[in-house]
């Protein structure tokens, strides 16, 4: 019974947001404002849950996601669930933030523990590379190549799309599904 209540609540939220959004697109400023306000609350909860270690980033990311929803509102297909479209936008913003932060952290990584870096043997690093290569070899090319190019080599999604002949969205999906498949395999082995 709780599952049904939860799915009914989700359906009600979807219906309410979609109605406000639709009315907003038709020119009802009050409905559009209510849509953005309610959506902001939902995005805030969604992102706060995913950014527990970075609470200062939540509000900026909510604003970025709301701006993206506003700027891309003309691309939304009314036949599809609105919340799925919105959360996909929020997820891309979250991934962009994490990617930016990881690059910044790599550039500003302190050398306080340099002795630890130099004490690791080359054989451990080579073994780790072999382990990663073995795991990646288990994936189909549509998942393996995007991970190798985007995540390991640091290439852009557009560059990877050009190299593989895949669309940019297929590259993003390949990375996501490939990482998910790798995580599942690693959990099985643990």
N, C-alpha and C. Protein backbone atom coordinates (compact mmCIF):
# COMPACT_ATOMS: atom_id res chain seq x y z
N UNK A 1 0.81 -1.20 0.00
CA UNK A 1 0.00 0.00 0.00
C UNK A 1 0.85 1.27 0.00
N UNK A 2 1.94 1.37 0.80
CA UNK A 2 2.75 2.58 0.76
C UNK A 2 3.33 2.85 -0.62
N UNK A 3 3.66 1.79 -1.37
CA UNK A 3 4.20 1.95 -2.73
C UNK A 3 3.18 2.65 -3.61
N UNK A 4 1.91 2.24 -3.49
CA UNK A 4 0.86 2.84 -4.29
C UNK A 4 0.67 4.31 -3.92
N UNK A 5 0.72 4.61 -2.62
CA UNK A 5 0.58 6.00 -2.18
C UNK A 5 1.72 6.85 -2.74
N UNK A 6 2.92 6.30 -2.72
CA UNK A 6 4.09 7.00 -3.24
C UNK A 6 3.95 7.25 -4.74
N UNK A 7 3.53 6.23 -5.47
CA UNK A 7 3.40 6.42 -6.92
C UNK A 7 2.25 7.38 -7.24
N UNK A 8 1.19 7.36 -6.42
CA UNK A 8 0.09 8.31 -6.62
C UNK A 8 0.56 9.73 -6.34
N UNK A 9 1.38 9.88 -5.30
CA UNK A 9 1.91 11.21 -4.97
C UNK A 9 2.79 11.71 -6.11
N UNK A 10 3.62 10.84 -6.66
CA UNK A 10 4.47 11.22 -7.79
C UNK A 10 3.61 11.62 -8.99
N UNK A 11 2.57 10.87 -9.22
CA UNK A 11 1.66 11.17 -10.34
C UNK A 11 0.99 12.53 -10.13
N UNK A 12 0.60 12.81 -8.89
CA UNK A 12 -0.04 14.09 -8.58
C UNK A 12 0.94 15.26 -8.80
N UNK A 13 2.19 15.05 -8.37
CA UNK A 13 3.22 16.08 -8.55
C UNK A 13 3.46 16.32 -10.03
N UNK A 14 3.58 15.23 -10.79
CA UNK A 14 3.79 15.34 -12.24
C UNK A 14 2.65 16.12 -12.87
N UNK A 15 1.41 15.76 -12.52
CA UNK A 15 0.24 16.42 -13.09
C UNK A 15 0.22 17.92 -12.75
N UNK A 16 0.50 18.23 -11.49
CA UNK A 16 0.46 19.64 -11.05
C UNK A 16 1.54 20.45 -11.77
N UNK A 17 2.77 19.94 -11.78
CA UNK A 17 3.86 20.67 -12.43
C UNK A 17 3.60 20.83 -13.93
N UNK A 18 3.13 19.77 -14.54
CA UNK A 18 2.88 19.82 -15.99
C UNK A 18 1.77 20.83 -16.31
N UNK A 19 0.74 20.87 -15.47
CA UNK A 19 -0.34 21.83 -15.67
C UNK A 19 0.17 23.26 -15.54
N UNK A 20 0.94 23.53 -14.48
CA UNK A 20 1.49 24.87 -14.28
C UNK A 20 2.42 25.25 -15.44
N UNK A 21 3.25 24.31 -15.85
CA UNK A 21 4.19 24.57 -16.94
C UNK A 21 3.45 24.86 -18.24
N UNK A 22 2.46 24.04 -18.53
CA UNK A 22 1.67 24.22 -19.75
C UNK A 22 0.96 25.57 -19.76
N UNK A 23 0.37 25.92 -18.64
CA UNK A 23 -0.30 27.22 -18.55
C UNK A 23 0.71 28.35 -18.66
N UNK A 24 1.87 28.16 -18.09
CA UNK A 24 2.93 29.16 -18.20
C UNK A 24 3.37 29.37 -19.63
N UNK A 25 3.50 28.26 -20.36
CA UNK A 25 3.89 28.36 -21.77
C UNK A 25 2.82 29.07 -22.60
N UNK A 26 1.57 28.95 -22.14
CA UNK A 26 0.46 29.60 -22.84
C UNK A 26 0.33 31.08 -22.47
N UNK A 27 1.21 31.56 -21.58
CA UNK A 27 1.20 32.98 -21.26
C UNK A 27 0.74 33.35 -19.86
N UNK A 28 0.39 32.36 -19.04
CA UNK A 28 -0.06 32.63 -17.68
C UNK A 28 1.19 32.82 -16.79
N UNK A 29 1.56 34.09 -16.56
CA UNK A 29 2.77 34.40 -15.78
C UNK A 29 2.69 33.87 -14.35
N UNK A 30 1.52 33.95 -13.74
CA UNK A 30 1.35 33.45 -12.37
C UNK A 30 1.60 31.95 -12.29
N UNK A 31 1.07 31.22 -13.27
CA UNK A 31 1.25 29.76 -13.29
C UNK A 31 2.73 29.43 -13.52
N UNK A 32 3.38 30.18 -14.39
CA UNK A 32 4.80 29.91 -14.68
C UNK A 32 5.65 30.22 -13.44
N UNK A 33 5.34 31.29 -12.75
CA UNK A 33 6.05 31.63 -11.52
C UNK A 33 5.85 30.52 -10.48
N UNK A 34 4.60 30.05 -10.34
CA UNK A 34 4.30 28.96 -9.39
C UNK A 34 5.05 27.69 -9.78
N UNK A 35 5.13 27.43 -11.09
CA UNK A 35 5.87 26.26 -11.58
C UNK A 35 7.34 26.35 -11.17
N UNK A 36 7.96 27.50 -11.43
CA UNK A 36 9.38 27.66 -11.11
C UNK A 36 9.62 27.58 -9.60
N UNK A 37 8.71 28.14 -8.84
CA UNK A 37 8.85 28.12 -7.38
C UNK A 37 8.75 26.69 -6.85
N UNK A 38 7.72 25.97 -7.28
CA UNK A 38 7.56 24.59 -6.82
C UNK A 38 8.69 23.70 -7.34
N UNK A 39 9.06 23.90 -8.57
CA UNK A 39 10.15 23.12 -9.14
C UNK A 39 11.46 23.40 -8.39
N UNK A 40 11.69 24.64 -8.02
CA UNK A 40 12.88 24.99 -7.26
C UNK A 40 12.95 24.23 -5.94
N UNK A 41 11.83 24.12 -5.24
CA UNK A 41 11.79 23.36 -3.98
C UNK A 41 12.14 21.89 -4.22
N UNK A 42 11.59 21.33 -5.27
CA UNK A 42 11.84 19.91 -5.56
C UNK A 42 13.29 19.68 -5.99
N UNK A 43 13.81 20.57 -6.83
CA UNK A 43 15.20 20.45 -7.25
C UNK A 43 16.15 20.62 -6.06
N UNK A 44 15.82 21.54 -5.18
CA UNK A 44 16.65 21.78 -3.99
C UNK A 44 16.75 20.50 -3.16
N UNK A 45 15.63 19.82 -2.95
CA UNK A 45 15.64 18.57 -2.18
C UNK A 45 16.42 17.49 -2.93
N UNK A 46 16.19 17.39 -4.22
CA UNK A 46 16.89 16.40 -5.05
C UNK A 46 18.41 16.61 -5.00
N UNK A 47 18.85 17.84 -5.17
CA UNK A 47 20.28 18.14 -5.21
C UNK A 47 20.91 18.11 -3.82
N UNK A 48 20.17 18.54 -2.82
CA UNK A 48 20.70 18.50 -1.45
C UNK A 48 21.01 17.05 -1.06
N UNK A 49 20.15 16.14 -1.49
CA UNK A 49 20.34 14.72 -1.20
C UNK A 49 21.59 14.17 -1.90
N UNK A 50 21.92 14.71 -3.06
CA UNK A 50 23.07 14.22 -3.83
C UNK A 50 24.36 14.98 -3.53
N UNK A 51 24.25 16.12 -2.91
CA UNK A 51 25.43 16.94 -2.62
C UNK A 51 25.61 17.13 -1.12
N UNK A 52 25.47 16.07 -0.37
CA UNK A 52 25.59 16.17 1.09
C UNK A 52 26.94 16.73 1.51
N UNK A 53 27.98 16.38 0.79
CA UNK A 53 29.32 16.86 1.13
C UNK A 53 29.62 18.26 0.60
N UNK A 54 28.72 18.79 -0.21
CA UNK A 54 28.94 20.12 -0.81
C UNK A 54 27.68 20.98 -0.66
N UNK A 55 27.23 21.22 0.56
CA UNK A 55 25.96 21.94 0.74
C UNK A 55 25.98 23.37 0.17
N UNK A 56 27.16 23.98 0.08
CA UNK A 56 27.24 25.35 -0.44
C UNK A 56 26.96 25.41 -1.94
N UNK A 57 27.03 24.29 -2.62
CA UNK A 57 26.83 24.26 -4.07
C UNK A 57 25.37 24.10 -4.47
N UNK A 58 24.52 23.68 -3.53
CA UNK A 58 23.14 23.33 -3.86
C UNK A 58 22.38 24.49 -4.48
N UNK A 59 22.40 25.65 -3.84
CA UNK A 59 21.59 26.78 -4.33
C UNK A 59 22.04 27.24 -5.72
N UNK A 60 23.35 27.30 -5.94
CA UNK A 60 23.84 27.68 -7.27
C UNK A 60 23.37 26.69 -8.32
N UNK A 61 23.42 25.41 -7.98
CA UNK A 61 23.02 24.38 -8.93
C UNK A 61 21.51 24.42 -9.19
N UNK A 62 20.72 24.71 -8.17
CA UNK A 62 19.27 24.86 -8.35
C UNK A 62 19.01 26.00 -9.35
N UNK A 63 19.70 27.11 -9.16
CA UNK A 63 19.51 28.26 -10.06
C UNK A 63 19.94 27.92 -11.49
N UNK A 64 21.08 27.23 -11.62
CA UNK A 64 21.54 26.82 -12.96
C UNK A 64 20.50 25.92 -13.63
N UNK A 65 19.95 24.97 -12.86
CA UNK A 65 18.96 24.05 -13.43
C UNK A 65 17.69 24.79 -13.82
N UNK A 66 17.23 25.71 -12.98
CA UNK A 66 16.02 26.49 -13.30
C UNK A 66 16.24 27.34 -14.56
N UNK A 67 17.40 27.94 -14.68
CA UNK A 67 17.71 28.73 -15.87
C UNK A 67 17.73 27.83 -17.11
N UNK A 68 18.32 26.65 -16.97
CA UNK A 68 18.36 25.72 -18.11
C UNK A 68 16.95 25.27 -18.50
N UNK A 69 16.10 24.98 -17.52
CA UNK A 69 14.72 24.60 -17.80
C UNK A 69 14.03 25.75 -18.54
N UNK A 70 14.21 26.96 -18.04
CA UNK A 70 13.59 28.13 -18.68
C UNK A 70 14.10 28.30 -20.12
N UNK A 71 15.42 28.23 -20.29
CA UNK A 71 16.00 28.44 -21.62
C UNK A 71 15.66 27.32 -22.61
N UNK A 72 15.42 26.13 -22.10
CA UNK A 72 15.14 24.99 -22.97
C UNK A 72 13.66 24.60 -23.00
N UNK A 73 12.80 25.44 -22.44
CA UNK A 73 11.39 25.09 -22.33
C UNK A 73 10.75 24.78 -23.68
N UNK A 74 11.25 25.40 -24.73
CA UNK A 74 10.70 25.17 -26.07
C UNK A 74 11.03 23.78 -26.60
N UNK A 75 11.99 23.07 -25.98
CA UNK A 75 12.37 21.74 -26.46
C UNK A 75 11.56 20.63 -25.80
N UNK A 76 10.80 20.96 -24.77
CA UNK A 76 10.05 19.94 -24.05
C UNK A 76 8.91 19.40 -24.90
N UNK A 77 8.77 18.07 -24.92
CA UNK A 77 7.69 17.39 -25.63
C UNK A 77 6.58 17.10 -24.62
N UNK A 78 5.43 17.74 -24.79
CA UNK A 78 4.32 17.62 -23.83
C UNK A 78 3.80 16.18 -23.71
N UNK A 79 4.14 15.31 -24.64
CA UNK A 79 3.69 13.92 -24.56
C UNK A 79 4.53 13.12 -23.56
N UNK A 80 5.64 13.67 -23.12
CA UNK A 80 6.54 12.96 -22.20
C UNK A 80 6.41 13.50 -20.78
N UNK A 81 6.84 12.70 -19.79
CA UNK A 81 6.78 13.19 -18.40
C UNK A 81 7.68 14.41 -18.20
N UNK A 82 7.13 15.43 -17.61
CA UNK A 82 7.88 16.67 -17.36
C UNK A 82 8.98 16.45 -16.33
N UNK A 83 8.67 15.72 -15.26
CA UNK A 83 9.66 15.54 -14.20
C UNK A 83 10.90 14.80 -14.70
N UNK A 84 10.73 13.84 -15.58
CA UNK A 84 11.89 13.12 -16.13
C UNK A 84 12.77 14.08 -16.92
N UNK A 85 12.15 14.96 -17.70
CA UNK A 85 12.90 15.94 -18.49
C UNK A 85 13.65 16.91 -17.57
N UNK A 86 12.96 17.39 -16.54
CA UNK A 86 13.56 18.34 -15.62
C UNK A 86 14.71 17.70 -14.84
N UNK A 87 14.50 16.48 -14.34
CA UNK A 87 15.55 15.84 -13.55
C UNK A 87 16.74 15.45 -14.42
N UNK A 88 16.51 15.20 -15.69
CA UNK A 88 17.64 14.95 -16.61
C UNK A 88 18.49 16.22 -16.73
N UNK A 89 17.84 17.35 -16.84
CA UNK A 89 18.57 18.63 -16.90
C UNK A 89 19.35 18.83 -15.60
N UNK A 90 18.70 18.60 -14.47
CA UNK A 90 19.37 18.77 -13.17
C UNK A 90 20.55 17.81 -13.04
N UNK A 91 20.37 16.61 -13.52
CA UNK A 91 21.45 15.62 -13.43
C UNK A 91 22.66 16.05 -14.27
N UNK A 92 22.40 16.58 -15.46
CA UNK A 92 23.50 17.07 -16.31
C UNK A 92 24.23 18.23 -15.62
N UNK A 93 23.47 19.11 -14.98
CA UNK A 93 24.09 20.22 -14.25
C UNK A 93 24.93 19.69 -13.09
N UNK A 94 24.44 18.67 -12.42
CA UNK A 94 25.18 18.06 -11.31
C UNK A 94 26.47 17.43 -11.81
N UNK A 95 26.39 16.70 -12.91
CA UNK A 95 27.58 16.08 -13.49
C UNK A 95 28.59 17.14 -13.90
N UNK A 96 28.10 18.22 -14.52
CA UNK A 96 29.00 19.31 -14.91
C UNK A 96 29.71 19.90 -13.70
N UNK A 97 28.97 20.11 -12.62
CA UNK A 97 29.56 20.64 -11.40
C UNK A 97 30.64 19.70 -10.86
N UNK A 98 30.32 18.43 -10.77
CA UNK A 98 31.28 17.47 -10.23
C UNK A 98 32.52 17.37 -11.12
N UNK A 99 32.31 17.45 -12.42
CA UNK A 99 33.45 17.40 -13.35
C UNK A 99 34.33 18.65 -13.15
N UNK A 100 33.70 19.82 -13.05
CA UNK A 100 34.47 21.05 -12.81
C UNK A 100 35.24 20.98 -11.51
N UNK A 101 34.57 20.51 -10.47
CA UNK A 101 35.22 20.43 -9.16
C UNK A 101 36.38 19.44 -9.18
N UNK A 102 36.20 18.31 -9.85
CA UNK A 102 37.28 17.32 -9.86
C UNK A 102 38.49 17.86 -10.62
N UNK A 103 38.25 18.61 -11.69
CA UNK A 103 39.38 19.21 -12.42
C UNK A 103 40.08 20.26 -11.55
N UNK A 104 39.30 21.06 -10.84
CA UNK A 104 39.88 22.08 -9.96
C UNK A 104 40.68 21.42 -8.85
N UNK A 105 40.14 20.36 -8.28
CA UNK A 105 40.83 19.67 -7.19
C UNK A 105 42.12 19.03 -7.67
N UNK A 106 42.10 18.53 -8.91
CA UNK A 106 43.33 17.95 -9.46
C UNK A 106 44.40 19.03 -9.61
N UNK A 107 43.97 20.21 -10.02
CA UNK A 107 44.93 21.29 -10.22
C UNK A 107 45.44 21.87 -8.90
N UNK A 108 44.63 21.76 -7.85
CA UNK A 108 45.03 22.35 -6.58
C UNK A 108 45.32 21.28 -5.52
N UNK A 109 45.57 20.06 -5.94
CA UNK A 109 45.85 18.97 -5.00
C UNK A 109 47.15 19.24 -4.26
N UNK A 110 47.10 19.36 -2.93
CA UNK A 110 48.31 19.66 -2.18
C UNK A 110 49.28 18.48 -2.20
N UNK A 111 50.55 18.80 -2.07
CA UNK A 111 51.57 17.76 -2.06
C UNK A 111 52.02 17.43 -0.64
N UNK A 112 51.14 17.62 0.34
CA UNK A 112 51.47 17.32 1.72
C UNK A 112 51.86 15.87 1.91
N UNK A 113 51.19 14.99 1.19
CA UNK A 113 51.46 13.57 1.33
C UNK A 113 52.29 13.04 0.18
N UNK A 114 53.23 13.82 -0.28
CA UNK A 114 54.07 13.42 -1.41
C UNK A 114 54.81 12.13 -1.11
N UNK A 115 55.18 11.90 0.14
CA UNK A 115 55.90 10.67 0.47
C UNK A 115 55.04 9.45 0.16
N UNK A 116 53.71 9.55 0.36
CA UNK A 116 52.83 8.44 0.03
C UNK A 116 52.81 8.19 -1.47
N UNK A 117 52.82 9.25 -2.25
CA UNK A 117 52.79 9.12 -3.70
C UNK A 117 54.04 8.40 -4.19
N UNK A 118 55.17 8.80 -3.65
CA UNK A 118 56.42 8.23 -4.12
C UNK A 118 56.70 6.85 -3.54
N UNK A 119 56.02 6.49 -2.46
CA UNK A 119 56.28 5.19 -1.87
C UNK A 119 55.55 4.07 -2.60
N UNK A 120 54.45 4.40 -3.34
CA UNK A 120 53.75 3.37 -4.10
C UNK A 120 54.63 2.87 -5.23
N UNK A 121 54.57 1.59 -5.42
CA UNK A 121 55.41 1.02 -6.47
C UNK A 121 54.72 1.12 -7.83
N UNK A 122 55.55 1.10 -8.85
CA UNK A 122 55.02 1.11 -10.21
C UNK A 122 54.20 -0.14 -10.49
N UNK A 123 54.56 -1.23 -9.85
CA UNK A 123 53.84 -2.48 -10.12
C UNK A 123 52.39 -2.38 -9.63
N UNK A 124 52.13 -1.66 -8.53
CA UNK A 124 50.75 -1.48 -8.06
C UNK A 124 49.95 -0.66 -9.06
N UNK A 125 50.54 0.37 -9.57
CA UNK A 125 49.85 1.21 -10.56
C UNK A 125 49.58 0.42 -11.83
N UNK A 126 50.55 -0.37 -12.26
CA UNK A 126 50.36 -1.18 -13.47
C UNK A 126 49.26 -2.21 -13.25
N UNK A 127 49.22 -2.80 -12.06
CA UNK A 127 48.18 -3.78 -11.75
C UNK A 127 46.81 -3.12 -11.77
N UNK A 128 46.70 -1.93 -11.21
CA UNK A 128 45.43 -1.20 -11.21
C UNK A 128 44.98 -0.91 -12.64
N UNK A 129 45.92 -0.50 -13.51
CA UNK A 129 45.59 -0.23 -14.91
C UNK A 129 45.09 -1.49 -15.61
N UNK A 130 45.76 -2.61 -15.30
CA UNK A 130 45.33 -3.89 -15.90
C UNK A 130 43.93 -4.27 -15.41
N UNK A 131 43.66 -4.05 -14.13
CA UNK A 131 42.34 -4.37 -13.58
C UNK A 131 41.25 -3.52 -14.25
N UNK A 132 41.53 -2.24 -14.42
CA UNK A 132 40.57 -1.35 -15.08
C UNK A 132 40.38 -1.78 -16.53
N UNK A 133 41.47 -2.10 -17.20
CA UNK A 133 41.39 -2.54 -18.60
C UNK A 133 40.55 -3.81 -18.73
N UNK A 134 40.73 -4.75 -17.80
CA UNK A 134 39.95 -5.99 -17.83
C UNK A 134 38.47 -5.70 -17.66
N UNK A 135 38.15 -4.83 -16.71
CA UNK A 135 36.74 -4.47 -16.50
C UNK A 135 36.16 -3.79 -17.73
N UNK A 136 36.91 -2.86 -18.30
CA UNK A 136 36.43 -2.15 -19.48
C UNK A 136 36.23 -3.08 -20.67
N UNK A 137 37.08 -4.09 -20.78
CA UNK A 137 36.96 -5.04 -21.89
C UNK A 137 35.65 -5.83 -21.84
N UNK A 138 35.02 -5.87 -20.67
CA UNK A 138 33.75 -6.59 -20.53
C UNK A 138 32.57 -5.80 -21.09
N UNK A 139 32.80 -4.51 -21.32
CA UNK A 139 31.73 -3.64 -21.82
C UNK A 139 31.69 -3.62 -23.35
N UNK A 140 30.50 -3.41 -23.90
CA UNK A 140 30.42 -3.21 -25.36
C UNK A 140 31.07 -1.87 -25.73
N UNK A 141 31.51 -1.74 -26.98
CA UNK A 141 32.18 -0.52 -27.44
C UNK A 141 31.38 0.75 -27.19
N UNK A 142 30.05 0.69 -27.31
CA UNK A 142 29.22 1.89 -27.13
C UNK A 142 29.26 2.40 -25.69
N UNK A 143 29.75 1.58 -24.75
CA UNK A 143 29.93 2.03 -23.37
C UNK A 143 31.41 2.19 -23.05
N UNK A 144 32.23 1.26 -23.52
CA UNK A 144 33.65 1.29 -23.21
C UNK A 144 34.34 2.51 -23.79
N UNK A 145 34.13 2.80 -25.06
CA UNK A 145 34.83 3.91 -25.71
C UNK A 145 34.50 5.26 -25.09
N UNK A 146 33.21 5.57 -24.83
CA UNK A 146 32.94 6.84 -24.16
C UNK A 146 33.62 6.97 -22.79
N UNK A 147 33.67 5.88 -22.04
CA UNK A 147 34.33 5.93 -20.73
C UNK A 147 35.82 6.19 -20.90
N UNK A 148 36.44 5.48 -21.83
CA UNK A 148 37.87 5.64 -22.05
C UNK A 148 38.18 7.07 -22.48
N UNK A 149 37.45 7.57 -23.47
CA UNK A 149 37.77 8.89 -24.01
C UNK A 149 37.39 10.03 -23.06
N UNK A 150 36.18 9.96 -22.48
CA UNK A 150 35.69 11.07 -21.66
C UNK A 150 36.26 11.00 -20.24
N UNK A 151 36.15 9.84 -19.60
CA UNK A 151 36.52 9.74 -18.19
C UNK A 151 38.02 9.50 -17.98
N UNK A 152 38.62 8.67 -18.80
CA UNK A 152 40.03 8.35 -18.57
C UNK A 152 40.97 9.32 -19.29
N UNK A 153 40.62 9.70 -20.51
CA UNK A 153 41.50 10.59 -21.27
C UNK A 153 41.11 12.06 -21.13
N UNK A 154 39.93 12.34 -20.56
CA UNK A 154 39.52 13.72 -20.32
C UNK A 154 39.07 14.47 -21.55
N UNK A 155 38.68 13.75 -22.59
CA UNK A 155 38.20 14.42 -23.81
C UNK A 155 36.77 14.92 -23.59
N UNK A 156 36.36 15.85 -24.40
CA UNK A 156 35.00 16.38 -24.29
C UNK A 156 34.01 15.39 -24.92
N UNK A 157 32.75 15.58 -24.58
CA UNK A 157 31.70 14.74 -25.15
C UNK A 157 31.64 14.94 -26.67
N UNK A 158 31.75 16.20 -27.09
CA UNK A 158 31.70 16.50 -28.54
C UNK A 158 32.87 15.85 -29.27
N UNK A 159 34.04 15.94 -28.70
CA UNK A 159 35.23 15.33 -29.31
C UNK A 159 35.07 13.81 -29.39
N UNK A 160 34.55 13.22 -28.32
CA UNK A 160 34.34 11.78 -28.29
C UNK A 160 33.30 11.36 -29.33
N UNK A 161 32.26 12.16 -29.46
CA UNK A 161 31.23 11.87 -30.47
C UNK A 161 31.85 11.86 -31.86
N UNK A 162 32.70 12.83 -32.14
CA UNK A 162 33.36 12.89 -33.44
C UNK A 162 34.29 11.71 -33.68
N UNK A 163 34.97 11.28 -32.65
CA UNK A 163 35.92 10.16 -32.78
C UNK A 163 35.22 8.82 -32.95
N UNK A 164 34.05 8.66 -32.31
CA UNK A 164 33.37 7.36 -32.32
C UNK A 164 32.24 7.27 -33.34
N UNK A 165 31.82 8.42 -33.87
CA UNK A 165 30.69 8.41 -34.79
C UNK A 165 29.34 8.34 -34.06
N UNK A 166 29.38 8.46 -32.74
CA UNK A 166 28.16 8.43 -31.94
C UNK A 166 27.65 9.87 -31.79
N UNK A 167 26.37 10.01 -31.47
CA UNK A 167 25.85 11.34 -31.16
C UNK A 167 26.33 11.73 -29.76
N UNK A 168 26.28 13.02 -29.45
CA UNK A 168 26.71 13.47 -28.13
C UNK A 168 25.85 12.85 -27.03
N UNK A 169 24.55 12.76 -27.28
CA UNK A 169 23.69 12.16 -26.25
C UNK A 169 24.00 10.67 -26.10
N UNK A 170 24.34 9.98 -27.19
CA UNK A 170 24.71 8.56 -27.10
C UNK A 170 26.01 8.40 -26.30
N UNK A 171 26.92 9.34 -26.45
CA UNK A 171 28.17 9.30 -25.66
C UNK A 171 27.84 9.43 -24.18
N UNK A 172 26.99 10.41 -23.83
CA UNK A 172 26.62 10.61 -22.43
C UNK A 172 25.92 9.38 -21.87
N UNK A 173 25.01 8.82 -22.64
CA UNK A 173 24.30 7.61 -22.20
C UNK A 173 25.28 6.46 -22.05
N UNK A 174 26.23 6.33 -22.98
CA UNK A 174 27.23 5.27 -22.91
C UNK A 174 28.07 5.36 -21.67
N UNK A 175 28.49 6.57 -21.33
CA UNK A 175 29.27 6.77 -20.10
C UNK A 175 28.44 6.37 -18.89
N UNK A 176 27.22 6.88 -18.83
CA UNK A 176 26.36 6.61 -17.67
C UNK A 176 26.09 5.11 -17.52
N UNK A 177 25.66 4.47 -18.60
CA UNK A 177 25.33 3.04 -18.51
C UNK A 177 26.57 2.19 -18.28
N UNK A 178 27.68 2.59 -18.88
CA UNK A 178 28.92 1.84 -18.69
C UNK A 178 29.41 1.91 -17.27
N UNK A 179 29.39 3.10 -16.67
CA UNK A 179 29.82 3.24 -15.28
C UNK A 179 28.88 2.48 -14.34
N UNK A 180 27.61 2.51 -14.67
CA UNK A 180 26.64 1.77 -13.86
C UNK A 180 26.91 0.26 -13.94
N UNK A 181 27.20 -0.23 -15.15
CA UNK A 181 27.50 -1.66 -15.33
C UNK A 181 28.80 -2.03 -14.61
N UNK A 182 29.80 -1.17 -14.68
CA UNK A 182 31.06 -1.44 -13.98
C UNK A 182 30.85 -1.47 -12.47
N UNK A 183 30.08 -0.55 -11.96
CA UNK A 183 29.81 -0.52 -10.52
C UNK A 183 29.10 -1.80 -10.07
N UNK A 184 28.16 -2.26 -10.89
CA UNK A 184 27.45 -3.50 -10.55
C UNK A 184 28.40 -4.70 -10.53
N UNK A 185 29.31 -4.74 -11.49
CA UNK A 185 30.29 -5.85 -11.54
C UNK A 185 31.23 -5.81 -10.34
N UNK A 186 31.64 -4.62 -9.98
CA UNK A 186 32.56 -4.47 -8.84
C UNK A 186 31.85 -4.88 -7.55
N UNK A 187 30.56 -4.51 -7.42
CA UNK A 187 29.81 -4.90 -6.22
C UNK A 187 29.67 -6.42 -6.15
N UNK A 188 29.47 -7.08 -7.28
CA UNK A 188 29.36 -8.54 -7.31
C UNK A 188 30.66 -9.19 -6.86
N UNK A 189 31.78 -8.59 -7.25
CA UNK A 189 33.07 -9.18 -6.92
C UNK A 189 33.45 -8.94 -5.46
N UNK A 190 32.86 -7.93 -4.84
CA UNK A 190 33.23 -7.59 -3.45
C UNK A 190 32.58 -8.52 -2.46
